[in-house]
C-alpha atoms as a PDB file:
ATOM      1  CA  MET A   1    -268.457 -95.632-157.883  1.00  0.00           C
ATOM      2  CA  PRO A   2    -268.345 -94.541-154.180  1.00  0.00           C
ATOM      3  CA  PHE A   3    -265.050 -94.272-152.339  1.00  0.00           C
ATOM      4  CA  VAL A   4    -264.267 -97.573-150.772  1.00  0.00           C
ATOM      5  CA  PHE A   5    -262.122 -97.782-147.571  1.00  0.00           C
ATOM      6  CA  LYS A   6    -259.775-100.579-146.977  1.00  0.00           C
ATOM      7  CA  ASP A   7    -260.446-102.664-143.800  1.00  0.00           C
ATOM      8  CA  PRO A   8    -257.361-102.773-141.697  1.00  0.00           C
ATOM      9  CA  ALA A   9    -258.568-105.543-139.505  1.00  0.00           C
ATOM     10  CA  ALA A  10    -255.830-107.940-140.626  1.00  0.00           C
ATOM     11  CA  GLY A  11    -253.166-105.505-139.384  1.00  0.00           C
ATOM     12  CA  SER A  12    -251.231-105.931-136.132  1.00  0.00           C
ATOM     13  CA  GLN A  13    -252.418-104.355-132.846  1.00  0.00           C
ATOM     14  CA  THR A  14    -250.349-102.575-130.268  1.00  0.00           C
ATOM     15  CA  THR A  15    -251.081-103.238-126.579  1.00  0.00           C
ATOM     16  CA  ALA A  16    -251.724-100.045-124.634  1.00  0.00           C
ATOM     17  CA  PRO A  17    -250.227 -99.558-121.196  1.00  0.00           C
ATOM     18  CA  THR A  18    -252.433-100.236-118.269  1.00  0.00           C
ATOM     19  CA  SER A  19    -251.093 -97.661-115.817  1.00  0.00           C
ATOM     20  CA  ASP A  20    -253.521 -95.081-114.622  1.00  0.00           C
ATOM     21  CA  THR A  21    -250.720 -92.423-114.574  1.00  0.00           C
ATOM     22  CA  PRO A  22    -248.805 -91.408-117.479  1.00  0.00           C
ATOM     23  CA  THR A  23    -245.004 -92.311-116.868  1.00  0.00           C
ATOM     24  CA  ASP A  24    -242.254 -89.930-117.708  1.00  0.00           C
ATOM     25  CA  SER A  25    -239.692 -90.827-120.302  1.00  0.00           C
ATOM     26  CA  PRO A  26    -236.374 -89.228-121.477  1.00  0.00           C
ATOM     27  CA  LEU A  27    -238.510 -87.363-124.202  1.00  0.00           C
ATOM     28  CA  ASP A  28    -240.544 -85.468-121.527  1.00  0.00           C
ATOM     29  CA  THR A  29    -237.637 -83.021-121.340  1.00  0.00           C
ATOM     30  CA  LEU A  30    -238.025 -82.323-124.958  1.00  0.00           C
ATOM     31  CA  SER A  31    -240.320 -79.765-126.590  1.00  0.00           C
ATOM     32  CA  ILE A  32    -242.960 -80.838-129.043  1.00  0.00           C
ATOM     33  CA  SER A  33    -240.918 -79.118-131.772  1.00  0.00           C
ATOM     34  CA  SER A  34    -237.937 -81.223-130.832  1.00  0.00           C
ATOM     35  CA  ILE A  35    -239.980 -84.365-131.181  1.00  0.00           C
ATOM     36  CA  LEU A  36    -241.378 -83.373-134.545  1.00  0.00           C
ATOM     37  CA  GLU A  37    -237.821 -83.043-135.845  1.00  0.00           C
ATOM     38  CA  THR A  38    -237.157 -86.742-135.212  1.00  0.00           C
ATOM     39  CA  THR A  39    -240.420 -88.013-136.817  1.00  0.00           C
ATOM     40  CA  SER A  40    -242.066 -87.981-140.225  1.00  0.00           C
ATOM     41  CA  LEU A  41    -244.829 -85.638-138.824  1.00  0.00           C
ATOM     42  CA  THR A  42    -243.287 -82.483-140.408  1.00  0.00           C
ATOM     43  CA  PRO A  43    -242.797 -82.134-144.218  1.00  0.00           C
ATOM     44  CA  LYS A  44    -239.299 -81.345-145.186  1.00  0.00           C
ATOM     45  CA  GLN A  45    -237.664 -80.104-148.375  1.00  0.00           C
ATOM     46  CA  PRO A  46    -235.446 -83.021-149.741  1.00  0.00           C
ATOM     47  CA  ASP A  47    -231.935 -82.303-150.884  1.00  0.00           C
ATOM     48  CA  VAL A  48    -232.004 -82.706-154.632  1.00  0.00           C
ATOM     49  CA  HIS A  49    -228.508 -84.269-154.540  1.00  0.00           C
ATOM     50  CA  LYS A  50    -229.635 -86.933-151.985  1.00  0.00           C
ATOM     51  CA  LEU A  51    -233.016 -87.961-153.293  1.00  0.00           C
ATOM     52  CA  ASP A  52    -231.885 -91.556-153.999  1.00  0.00           C
ATOM     53  CA  LYS A  53    -230.119 -92.067-150.729  1.00  0.00           C
ATOM     54  CA  SER A  54    -231.556 -93.619-147.634  1.00  0.00           C
ATOM     55  CA  PRO A  55    -230.303 -93.176-144.079  1.00  0.00           C
ATOM     56  CA  LEU A  56    -228.957 -96.795-144.621  1.00  0.00           C
ATOM     57  CA  GLY A  57    -227.409 -96.014-147.969  1.00  0.00           C
ATOM     58  CA  SER A  58    -223.851 -95.598-146.911  1.00  0.00           C
ATOM     59  CA  ARG A  59    -222.266 -98.897-145.591  1.00  0.00           C
ATOM     60  CA  THR A  60    -218.981-100.401-145.200  1.00  0.00           C
ATOM     61  CA  ARG A  61    -217.846-103.698-146.374  1.00  0.00           C
ATOM     62  CA  GLU A  62    -217.878-105.186-142.833  1.00  0.00           C
ATOM     63  CA  GLN A  63    -221.584-104.305-142.397  1.00  0.00           C
ATOM     64  CA  THR A  64    -223.690-107.224-143.460  1.00  0.00           C
ATOM     65  CA  GLN A  65    -227.276-106.965-144.924  1.00  0.00           C
ATOM     66  CA  GLU A  66    -228.521-108.595-141.729  1.00  0.00           C
ATOM     67  CA  GLU A  67    -227.054-105.803-139.629  1.00  0.00           C
ATOM     68  CA  ARG A  68    -228.580-103.208-141.963  1.00  0.00           C
ATOM     69  CA  ARG A  69    -231.982-104.902-141.670  1.00  0.00           C
ATOM     70  CA  LYS A  70    -231.675-104.643-137.758  1.00  0.00           C
ATOM     71  CA  LYS A  71    -230.649-101.066-138.091  1.00  0.00           C
ATOM     72  CA  ALA A  72    -233.729-100.325-140.354  1.00  0.00           C
ATOM     73  CA  LEU A  73    -236.025-101.891-137.898  1.00  0.00           C
ATOM     74  CA  GLN A  74    -234.544 -99.891-134.953  1.00  0.00           C
ATOM     75  CA  LEU A  75    -235.054 -96.601-137.034  1.00  0.00           C
ATOM     76  CA  GLN A  76    -238.775 -97.622-137.601  1.00  0.00           C
ATOM     77  CA  LYS A  77    -239.144 -98.474-133.831  1.00  0.00           C
ATOM     78  CA  ARG A  78    -237.565 -95.070-132.855  1.00  0.00           C
ATOM     79  CA  SER A  79    -239.690 -93.192-135.201  1.00  0.00           C
ATOM     80  CA  ARG A  80    -242.769 -95.004-134.019  1.00  0.00           C
ATOM     81  CA  GLN A  81    -241.771 -94.386-130.409  1.00  0.00           C
ATOM     82  CA  ASN A  82    -241.341 -90.679-130.959  1.00  0.00           C
ATOM     83  CA  GLN A  83    -244.826 -90.420-132.514  1.00  0.00           C
ATOM     84  CA  ILE A  84    -246.374 -92.080-129.490  1.00  0.00           C
ATOM     85  CA  GLU A  85    -244.515 -89.641-127.178  1.00  0.00           C
ATOM     86  CA  TYR A  86    -245.587 -86.735-129.452  1.00  0.00           C
ATOM     87  CA  ALA A  87    -249.260 -87.741-129.276  1.00  0.00           C
ATOM     88  CA  ARG A  88    -248.972 -88.315-125.503  1.00  0.00           C
ATOM     89  CA  ARG A  89    -247.270 -84.862-124.826  1.00  0.00           C
ATOM     90  CA  LEU A  90    -250.247 -83.195-126.910  1.00  0.00           C
ATOM     91  CA  ALA A  91    -252.798 -85.150-125.100  1.00  0.00           C
ATOM     92  CA  PHE A  92    -251.509 -84.274-121.501  1.00  0.00           C
ATOM     93  CA  GLU A  93    -250.352 -80.796-122.397  1.00  0.00           C
ATOM     94  CA  LYS A  94    -246.761 -81.484-121.194  1.00  0.00           C
ATOM     95  CA  THR A  95    -245.157 -78.457-122.849  1.00  0.00           C
ATOM     96  CA  THR A  96    -241.722 -77.345-121.864  1.00  0.00           C
ATOM     97  CA  VAL A  97    -241.511 -73.697-120.678  1.00  0.00           C
ATOM     98  CA  SER A  98    -238.376 -72.616-118.730  1.00  0.00           C
ATOM     99  CA  GLN A  99    -239.011 -70.756-115.471  1.00  0.00           C
ATOM    100  CA  GLU A 100    -236.830 -67.785-116.630  1.00  0.00           C
ATOM    101  CA  ASP A 101    -239.107 -67.032-119.529  1.00  0.00           C
ATOM    102  CA  SER A 102    -241.768 -65.985-117.055  1.00  0.00           C
ATOM    103  CA  ASP A 103    -241.350 -62.896-114.753  1.00  0.00           C
ATOM    104  CA  ASP A 104    -243.008 -62.567-111.352  1.00  0.00           C
ATOM    105  CA  GLU A 105    -244.993 -59.502-112.360  1.00  0.00           C
ATOM    106  CA  PRO A 106    -248.411 -60.166-113.624  1.00  0.00           C
ATOM    107  CA  ALA A 107    -248.905 -59.709-117.414  1.00  0.00           C
ATOM    108  CA  THR A 108    -251.406 -57.254-118.747  1.00  0.00           C
ATOM    109  CA  GLU A 109    -254.761 -58.485-120.131  1.00  0.00           C
ATOM    110  CA  THR A 110    -253.897 -57.576-123.727  1.00  0.00           C
ATOM    111  CA  ALA A 111    -250.831 -59.810-123.756  1.00  0.00           C
ATOM    112  CA  ASP A 112    -253.015 -62.937-124.126  1.00  0.00           C
ATOM    113  CA  ILE A 113    -255.196 -61.564-127.001  1.00  0.00           C
ATOM    114  CA  VAL A 114    -254.578 -63.877-129.986  1.00  0.00           C
ATOM    115  CA  ASP A 115    -256.419 -63.869-133.367  1.00  0.00           C
ATOM    116  CA  ASP A 116    -258.393 -67.117-133.705  1.00  0.00           C
ATOM    117  CA  ASP A 117    -257.681 -67.479-137.330  1.00  0.00           C
ATOM    118  CA  MET A 118    -254.343 -66.100-138.104  1.00  0.00           C
ATOM    119  CA  GLY A 119    -252.630 -66.497-134.687  1.00  0.00           C
ATOM    120  CA  GLU A 120    -251.378 -63.022-134.646  1.00  0.00           C
ATOM    121  CA  GLY A 121    -251.574 -60.488-131.828  1.00  0.00           C
ATOM    122  CA  SER A 122    -254.086 -57.732-131.984  1.00  0.00           C
ATOM    123  CA  LYS A 123    -253.064 -54.782-134.186  1.00  0.00           C
ATOM    124  CA  GLY A 124    -252.641 -51.380-132.529  1.00  0.00           C
ATOM    125  CA  GLN A 125    -251.883 -52.803-129.040  1.00  0.00           C
ATOM    126  CA  PRO A 126    -248.594 -51.889-127.329  1.00  0.00           C
ATOM    127  CA  LYS A 127    -245.850 -54.592-127.508  1.00  0.00           C
ATOM    128  CA  GLN A 128    -246.182 -56.878-124.505  1.00  0.00           C
ATOM    129  CA  ARG A 129    -243.797 -59.288-123.022  1.00  0.00           C
ATOM    130  CA  ARG A 130    -244.462 -62.971-123.705  1.00  0.00           C
ATOM    131  CA  THR A 131    -246.113 -64.774-120.783  1.00  0.00           C
ATOM    132  CA  ARG A 132    -245.928 -68.444-119.854  1.00  0.00           C
ATOM    133  CA  LYS A 133    -249.472 -68.737-121.203  1.00  0.00           C
ATOM    134  CA  MET A 134    -248.542 -67.406-124.556  1.00  0.00           C
ATOM    135  CA  LYS A 135    -245.524 -69.814-124.694  1.00  0.00           C
ATOM    136  CA  LYS A 136    -247.818 -72.793-123.939  1.00  0.00           C
ATOM    137  CA  GLN A 137    -250.108 -71.678-126.841  1.00  0.00           C
ATOM    138  CA  ASP A 138    -247.051 -71.520-129.098  1.00  0.00           C
ATOM    139  CA  ALA A 139    -246.516 -75.265-128.333  1.00  0.00           C
ATOM    140  CA  PHE A 140    -249.780 -76.180-129.761  1.00  0.00           C
ATOM    141  CA  ARG A 141    -249.808 -73.756-132.793  1.00  0.00           C
ATOM    142  CA  ASP A 142    -250.312 -75.275-136.173  1.00  0.00           C
ATOM    143  CA  GLN A 143    -250.445 -78.993-134.942  1.00  0.00           C
ATOM    144  CA  VAL A 144    -252.905 -80.093-137.712  1.00  0.00           C
ATOM    145  CA  MET A 145    -252.295 -80.639-141.390  1.00  0.00           C
ATOM    146  CA  PHE A 146    -253.031 -77.793-143.669  1.00  0.00           C
ATOM    147  CA  ALA A 147    -253.822 -77.755-147.284  1.00  0.00           C
ATOM    148  CA  GLU A 148    -252.284 -75.614-149.984  1.00  0.00           C
ATOM    149  CA  TRP A 149    -254.625 -73.812-152.236  1.00  0.00           C
ATOM    150  CA  LEU A 150    -255.424 -75.822-155.341  1.00  0.00           C
ATOM    151  CA  ILE A 151    -253.675 -73.896-158.285  1.00  0.00           C
ATOM    152  CA  ASP A 152    -252.823 -76.853-160.710  1.00  0.00           C
ATOM    153  CA  VAL A 153    -255.182 -79.772-160.926  1.00  0.00           C
ATOM    154  CA  PRO A 154    -253.151 -83.013-160.285  1.00  0.00           C
ATOM    155  CA  GLY A 155    -252.683 -85.217-163.366  1.00  0.00           C
ATOM    156  CA  ASP A 156    -253.785 -88.327-161.470  1.00  0.00           C
ATOM    157  CA  LEU A 157    -256.800 -86.628-159.925  1.00  0.00           C
ATOM    158  CA  TYR A 158    -259.130 -89.456-160.758  1.00  0.00           C
ATOM    159  CA  GLU A 159    -256.717 -92.255-159.754  1.00  0.00           C
ATOM    160  CA  ASN A 160    -255.051 -91.222-156.647  1.00  0.00           C
ATOM    161  CA  TRP A 161    -257.195 -88.547-154.865  1.00  0.00           C
ATOM    162  CA  CYS A 162    -260.437 -88.197-152.930  1.00  0.00           C
ATOM    163  CA  VAL A 163    -262.518 -85.212-152.095  1.00  0.00           C
ATOM    164  CA  VAL A 164    -264.196 -84.104-148.844  1.00  0.00           C
ATOM    165  CA  PRO A 165    -266.846 -81.456-148.996  1.00  0.00           C
ATOM    166  CA  CYS A 166    -266.383 -79.124-145.932  1.00  0.00           C
ATOM    167  CA  PRO A 167    -268.854 -76.825-144.031  1.00  0.00           C
ATOM    168  CA  VAL A 168    -268.054 -73.420-142.776  1.00  0.00           C
ATOM    169  CA  GLY A 169    -266.438 -73.402-139.453  1.00  0.00           C
ATOM    170  CA  LYS A 170    -263.152 -73.076-137.381  1.00  0.00           C
ATOM    171  CA  ARG A 171    -260.340 -75.523-137.962  1.00  0.00           C
ATOM    172  CA  CYS A 172    -259.311 -76.831-134.552  1.00  0.00           C
ATOM    173  CA  LEU A 173    -257.371 -79.610-132.753  1.00  0.00           C
ATOM    174  CA  VAL A 174    -259.530 -81.697-130.402  1.00  0.00           C
ATOM    175  CA  ILE A 175    -257.956 -83.825-127.617  1.00  0.00           C
ATOM    176  CA  SER A 176    -259.839 -85.956-125.174  1.00  0.00           C
ATOM    177  CA  ALA A 177    -257.698 -87.283-122.214  1.00  0.00           C
ATOM    178  CA  ASN A 178    -257.963 -87.519-118.447  1.00  0.00           C
ATOM    179  CA  GLY A 179    -261.907 -87.106-118.304  1.00  0.00           C
ATOM    180  CA  GLN A 180    -261.852 -83.914-120.338  1.00  0.00           C
ATOM    181  CA  THR A 181    -262.064 -82.729-123.906  1.00  0.00           C
ATOM    182  CA  THR A 182    -260.081 -79.650-125.230  1.00  0.00           C
ATOM    183  CA  ALA A 183    -260.498 -77.876-128.472  1.00  0.00           C
ATOM    184  CA  ARG A 184    -257.676 -75.574-129.605  1.00  0.00           C
ATOM    185  CA  LEU A 185    -257.720 -73.208-132.495  1.00  0.00           C
ATOM    186  CA  ARG A 186    -254.867 -72.914-135.052  1.00  0.00           C
ATOM    187  CA  SER A 187    -253.025 -70.390-132.885  1.00  0.00           C
ATOM    188  CA  GLY A 188    -252.951 -72.858-130.016  1.00  0.00           C
ATOM    189  CA  ARG A 189    -255.415 -70.920-127.941  1.00  0.00           C
ATOM    190  CA  VAL A 190    -258.056 -72.969-126.071  1.00  0.00           C
ATOM    191  CA  LEU A 191    -261.362 -72.695-127.855  1.00  0.00           C
ATOM    192  CA  ASN A 192    -263.251 -74.589-125.119  1.00  0.00           C
ATOM    193  CA  LYS A 193    -262.780 -77.315-122.459  1.00  0.00           C
ATOM    194  CA  PHE A 194    -265.788 -79.599-122.074  1.00  0.00           C
ATOM    195  CA  GLU A 195    -266.916 -83.170-121.449  1.00  0.00           C
ATOM    196  CA  SER A 196    -267.733 -85.124-124.499  1.00  0.00           C
ATOM    197  CA  ILE A 197    -268.627 -88.703-125.590  1.00  0.00           C
ATOM    198  CA  LEU A 198    -265.068 -89.217-126.929  1.00  0.00           C
ATOM    199  CA  PRO A 199    -262.914 -91.944-125.208  1.00  0.00           C
ATOM    200  CA  ALA A 200    -261.364 -90.537-122.136  1.00  0.00           C
ATOM    201  CA  GLY A 201    -263.160 -87.310-122.838  1.00  0.00           C
ATOM    202  CA  SER A 202    -265.639 -87.084-119.832  1.00  0.00           C
ATOM    203  CA  SER A 203    -265.540 -88.006-116.089  1.00  0.00           C
ATOM    204  CA  THR A 204    -268.235 -90.631-116.727  1.00  0.00           C
ATOM    205  CA  TYR A 205    -265.984 -92.513-119.192  1.00  0.00           C
ATOM    206  CA  LYS A 206    -265.908 -96.139-118.128  1.00  0.00           C
ATOM    207  CA  GLY A 207    -262.457 -97.196-119.602  1.00  0.00           C
ATOM    208  CA  ASN A 208    -258.991 -95.877-118.750  1.00  0.00           C
ATOM    209  CA  LYS A 209    -258.964 -92.048-118.900  1.00  0.00           C
ATOM    210  CA  VAL A 210    -255.194 -91.977-119.134  1.00  0.00           C
ATOM    211  CA  THR A 211    -254.347 -94.466-121.813  1.00  0.00           C
ATOM    212  CA  ASP A 212    -257.436 -94.076-124.069  1.00  0.00           C
ATOM    213  CA  TYR A 213    -256.718 -90.412-125.175  1.00  0.00           C
ATOM    214  CA  CYS A 214    -257.709 -89.246-128.621  1.00  0.00           C
ATOM    215  CA  ILE A 215    -256.538 -86.537-130.989  1.00  0.00           C
ATOM    216  CA  LEU A 216    -258.767 -85.359-133.849  1.00  0.00           C
ATOM    217  CA  ASP A 217    -258.520 -82.805-136.630  1.00  0.00           C
ATOM    218  CA  CYS A 218    -262.008 -81.051-136.762  1.00  0.00           C
ATOM    219  CA  ILE A 219    -264.001 -78.267-138.096  1.00  0.00           C
ATOM    220  CA  PHE A 220    -266.124 -76.455-135.486  1.00  0.00           C
ATOM    221  CA  ASP A 221    -269.414 -74.913-136.343  1.00  0.00           C
ATOM    222  CA  PRO A 222    -270.095 -72.482-133.425  1.00  0.00           C
ATOM    223  CA  VAL A 223    -273.590 -71.831-134.534  1.00  0.00           C
ATOM    224  CA  HIS A 224    -274.840 -75.295-133.993  1.00  0.00           C
ATOM    225  CA  TRP A 225    -272.263 -76.648-131.655  1.00  0.00           C
ATOM    226  CA  VAL A 226    -270.900 -79.400-134.020  1.00  0.00           C
ATOM    227  CA  PHE A 227    -267.464 -80.737-134.489  1.00  0.00           C
ATOM    228  CA  TYR A 228    -267.135 -82.036-137.919  1.00  0.00           C
ATOM    229  CA  VAL A 229    -264.245 -84.646-137.777  1.00  0.00           C
ATOM    230  CA  VAL A 230    -261.916 -84.139-140.826  1.00  0.00           C
ATOM    231  CA  ASP A 231    -259.107 -86.732-139.747  1.00  0.00           C
ATOM    232  CA  ILE A 232    -257.984 -88.892-136.929  1.00  0.00           C
ATOM    233  CA  MET A 233    -254.384 -88.732-135.586  1.00  0.00           C
ATOM    234  CA  CYS A 234    -254.676 -90.883-132.567  1.00  0.00           C
ATOM    235  CA  TRP A 235    -257.532 -93.062-131.084  1.00  0.00           C
ATOM    236  CA  LYS A 236    -257.489 -94.666-127.745  1.00  0.00           C
ATOM    237  CA  GLY A 237    -253.749 -94.268-127.425  1.00  0.00           C
ATOM    238  CA  HIS A 238    -252.901 -95.509-130.817  1.00  0.00           C
ATOM    239  CA  PRO A 239    -251.334 -92.759-132.991  1.00  0.00           C
ATOM    240  CA  ILE A 240    -251.791 -93.321-136.781  1.00  0.00           C
ATOM    241  CA  TYR A 241    -249.838 -90.290-138.019  1.00  0.00           C
ATOM    242  CA  ASP A 242    -247.799 -92.636-140.284  1.00  0.00           C
ATOM    243  CA  CYS A 243    -250.814 -94.224-141.910  1.00  0.00           C
ATOM    244  CA  ASP A 244    -252.128 -93.339-145.240  1.00  0.00           C
ATOM    245  CA  THR A 245    -255.288 -91.362-146.100  1.00  0.00           C
ATOM    246  CA  GLU A 246    -257.383 -94.414-146.787  1.00  0.00           C
ATOM    247  CA  PHE A 247    -256.660 -96.054-143.492  1.00  0.00           C
ATOM    248  CA  ARG A 248    -257.283 -92.907-141.522  1.00  0.00           C
ATOM    249  CA  PHE A 249    -260.494 -92.057-143.241  1.00  0.00           C
ATOM    250  CA  PHE A 250    -261.724 -95.628-142.619  1.00  0.00           C
ATOM    251  CA  TRP A 251    -261.078 -94.940-138.874  1.00  0.00           C
ATOM    252  CA  VAL A 252    -262.965 -91.663-139.092  1.00  0.00           C
ATOM    253  CA  ALA A 253    -265.966 -93.482-140.854  1.00  0.00           C
ATOM    254  CA  THR A 254    -265.959 -96.363-138.240  1.00  0.00           C
ATOM    255  CA  LYS A 255    -264.993 -94.701-134.983  1.00  0.00           C
ATOM    256  CA  ILE A 256    -267.319 -91.554-135.223  1.00  0.00           C
ATOM    257  CA  GLN A 257    -270.691 -93.227-135.575  1.00  0.00           C
ATOM    258  CA  ALA A 258    -273.658 -91.108-136.245  1.00  0.00           C
ATOM    259  CA  ASP A 259    -275.860 -92.788-133.734  1.00  0.00           C
ATOM    260  CA  GLU A 260    -273.320 -92.560-130.902  1.00  0.00           C
ATOM    261  CA  MET A 261    -271.490 -89.228-131.379  1.00  0.00           C
ATOM    262  CA  ASP A 262    -274.260 -86.782-132.372  1.00  0.00           C
ATOM    263  CA  VAL A 263    -276.806 -87.407-129.761  1.00  0.00           C
ATOM    264  CA  PRO A 264    -277.037 -85.704-126.257  1.00  0.00           C
ATOM    265  CA  ASN A 265    -276.468 -87.971-123.237  1.00  0.00           C
ATOM    266  CA  ALA A 266    -274.912 -87.787-119.820  1.00  0.00           C
ATOM    267  CA  GLY A 267    -271.358 -87.419-121.270  1.00  0.00           C
ATOM    268  CA  ASN A 268    -272.164 -85.246-124.193  1.00  0.00           C
ATOM    269  CA  GLN A 269    -274.596 -82.539-123.093  1.00  0.00           C
ATOM    270  CA  PHE A 270    -273.984 -79.956-125.811  1.00  0.00           C
ATOM    271  CA  TYR A 271    -271.457 -80.830-128.422  1.00  0.00           C
ATOM    272  CA  LYS A 272    -272.002 -83.192-131.230  1.00  0.00           C
ATOM    273  CA  PHE A 273    -269.384 -84.998-133.315  1.00  0.00           C
ATOM    274  CA  GLN A 274    -270.005 -85.919-136.911  1.00  0.00           C
ATOM    275  CA  ALA A 275    -267.579 -87.445-139.474  1.00  0.00           C
ATOM    276  CA  LEU A 276    -267.063 -85.744-142.857  1.00  0.00           C
ATOM    277  CA  GLN A 277    -267.303 -88.182-145.735  1.00  0.00           C
ATOM    278  CA  ALA A 278    -264.652 -88.821-148.334  1.00  0.00           C
ATOM    279  CA  ALA A 279    -265.857 -89.442-152.006  1.00  0.00           C
ATOM    280  CA  SER A 280    -263.896 -90.832-154.746  1.00  0.00           C
ATOM    281  CA  THR A 281    -262.857 -88.075-157.460  1.00  0.00           C
ATOM    282  CA  THR A 282    -264.620 -90.379-160.071  1.00  0.00           C
ATOM    283  CA  GLU A 283    -267.812 -88.855-158.508  1.00  0.00           C
ATOM    284  CA  LEU A 284    -266.487 -85.408-158.639  1.00  0.00           C
ATOM    285  CA  LYS A 285    -269.230 -84.117-161.013  1.00  0.00           C
ATOM    286  CA  ASN A 286    -271.915 -85.273-158.667  1.00  0.00           C
ATOM    287  CA  VAL A 287    -270.059 -83.921-155.557  1.00  0.00           C
ATOM    288  CA  ILE A 288    -269.907 -80.578-157.128  1.00  0.00           C
ATOM    289  CA  ALA A 289    -273.551 -80.687-158.393  1.00  0.00           C
ATOM    290  CA  ASN A 290    -274.945 -81.861-154.982  1.00  0.00           C
ATOM    291  CA  PRO A 291    -272.367 -81.565-152.179  1.00  0.00           C
ATOM    292  CA  TYR A 292    -274.883 -82.072-149.336  1.00  0.00           C
ATOM    293  CA  ALA A 293    -275.576 -85.630-150.533  1.00  0.00           C
ATOM    294  CA  PHE A 294    -271.907 -86.413-149.634  1.00  0.00           C
ATOM    295  CA  MET A 295    -271.928 -84.808-146.237  1.00  0.00           C
ATOM    296  CA  PRO A 296    -273.320 -86.069-142.967  1.00  0.00           C
ATOM    297  CA  PRO A 297    -277.068 -86.000-142.766  1.00  0.00           C
ATOM    298  CA  ASN A 298    -278.902 -82.920-141.411  1.00  0.00           C
ATOM    299  CA  VAL A 299    -275.914 -80.552-141.872  1.00  0.00           C
ATOM    300  CA  LYS A 300    -276.978 -77.071-141.115  1.00  0.00           C
ATOM    301  CA  ALA A 301    -273.805 -75.075-141.847  1.00  0.00           C
ATOM    302  CA  ASN A 302    -273.107 -73.698-145.297  1.00  0.00           C
ATOM    303  CA  LEU A 303    -270.640 -75.278-147.713  1.00  0.00           C
ATOM    304  CA  ASP A 304    -267.276 -73.612-147.521  1.00  0.00           C
ATOM    305  CA  GLY A 305    -265.180 -75.499-149.963  1.00  0.00           C
ATOM    306  CA  TYR A 306    -263.555 -78.884-150.821  1.00  0.00           C
ATOM    307  CA  LEU A 307    -260.447 -80.524-149.561  1.00  0.00           C
ATOM    308  CA  PHE A 308    -258.593 -82.801-151.906  1.00  0.00           C
ATOM    309  CA  TYR A 309    -256.543 -85.524-150.429  1.00  0.00           C
ATOM    310  CA  ASN A 310    -253.885 -87.732-152.032  1.00  0.00           C
ATOM    311  CA  ARG A 311    -254.784 -91.219-150.995  1.00  0.00           C
ATOM    312  CA  GLU A 312    -251.212 -92.191-149.954  1.00  0.00           C
ATOM    313  CA  THR A 313    -250.239 -89.286-147.950  1.00  0.00           C
ATOM    314  CA  GLN A 314    -249.461 -89.674-144.190  1.00  0.00           C
ATOM    315  CA  TYR A 315    -250.716 -87.214-141.669  1.00  0.00           C
ATOM    316  CA  VAL A 316    -248.025 -84.451-141.512  1.00  0.00           C
ATOM    317  CA  VAL A 317    -248.050 -81.412-139.178  1.00  0.00           C
ATOM    318  CA  GLY A 318    -247.947 -78.231-141.258  1.00  0.00           C
ATOM    319  CA  THR A 319    -248.797 -77.476-144.842  1.00  0.00           C
ATOM    320  CA  THR A 320    -248.391 -80.151-147.541  1.00  0.00           C
ATOM    321  CA  PRO A 321    -249.096 -80.161-151.383  1.00  0.00           C
ATOM    322  CA  LEU A 322    -250.589 -83.534-151.010  1.00  0.00           C
ATOM    323  CA  VAL A 323    -253.817 -81.934-149.407  1.00  0.00           C
ATOM    324  CA  CYS A 324    -255.338 -79.062-151.580  1.00  0.00           C
ATOM    325  CA  TRP A 325    -258.133 -76.575-150.743  1.00  0.00           C
ATOM    326  CA  LEU A 326    -260.675 -75.352-153.276  1.00  0.00           C
ATOM    327  CA  SER A 327    -263.218 -72.803-152.338  1.00  0.00           C
ATOM    328  CA  ILE A 328    -266.676 -72.717-153.823  1.00  0.00           C
ATOM    329  CA  ASP A 329    -265.968 -69.671-155.845  1.00  0.00           C
ATOM    330  CA  LYS A 330    -263.112 -71.274-157.546  1.00  0.00           C
ATOM    331  CA  VAL A 331    -264.778 -74.494-158.652  1.00  0.00           C
ATOM    332  CA  GLN A 332    -265.794 -73.355-162.054  1.00  0.00           C
ATOM    333  CA  GLU A 333    -262.550 -71.726-162.743  1.00  0.00           C
ATOM    334  CA  LEU A 334    -260.343 -74.635-162.013  1.00  0.00           C
ATOM    335  CA  LEU A 335    -262.537 -77.749-162.499  1.00  0.00           C
ATOM    336  CA  VAL A 336    -264.608 -76.666-165.668  1.00  0.00           C
ATOM    337  CA  ASP A 337    -263.040 -79.437-167.687  1.00  0.00           C
ATOM    338  CA  LYS A 338    -263.473 -82.002-164.967  1.00  0.00           C
ATOM    339  CA  ILE A 339    -267.324 -81.294-164.340  1.00  0.00           C
ATOM    340  CA  SER A 340    -268.550 -80.403-167.678  1.00  0.00           C
END
């Protein structure tokens, strides 16, 4: 049976601010890395001696259950607020770089050369001092969720996982805000800045260009100028990092409409946006046999491999074992028992 998304329409809605200018907050003085440490966006190795303990586990006799309930709600609210601040800082590029980190002397041209895929400086070049531009790139480095190579097939593959066929391309972070759309490579380097049909992504956008910012996880096909949307982290100012895979993929399927995002118009002259489709692993045999039937229509890029998502994982920044990558040359080796 096909993969069915859950309709979150019954969930609560958050009222977005109406100001045309982003307001500063105490978190504006923090770096993106500092904000990550106070949210659930970065996967952390748990202490094996504290697996059963929560932040509210230690309590005194004087502390009532009602007080602990209030404290739990405060912790959730603080984590949610940090996620909103994190998304806002990414959208408006409010990175923290101290003045003393940059000298008055101009940097050499080779100092800004960054490899698109590995995020490493070009080999053979003399060591260059770090410039303000390079430090800003570092703030946007690895801001998407990366998969581990699939080595062991999960025991609950058919029950709790879904699969996404992926075309060849460059993994990138796409942000639309202030009437402009920016695509950044894994290294943090700007791939391109352009106007798109995404909310707040063009000068012709009719809504609020400040509050309606979006953050997408994409694969860019540079040959056909198509951004294939893998995941959504924020849409119109509403971050959903803490939502599970099924909810986020529902938003991908409903927000990135084929008839709206992949046709040229005044706000989208060149680049197209197409949503990748998640399939239930119960259809894995059919997906492997005919992957293009489970991809957006008229895909011209070659198949690169498959992303396997645990249905319950939140969106975490960095590498996680709850998302696994399988290249097409490893399919027969690892999935022979599943597709035979």
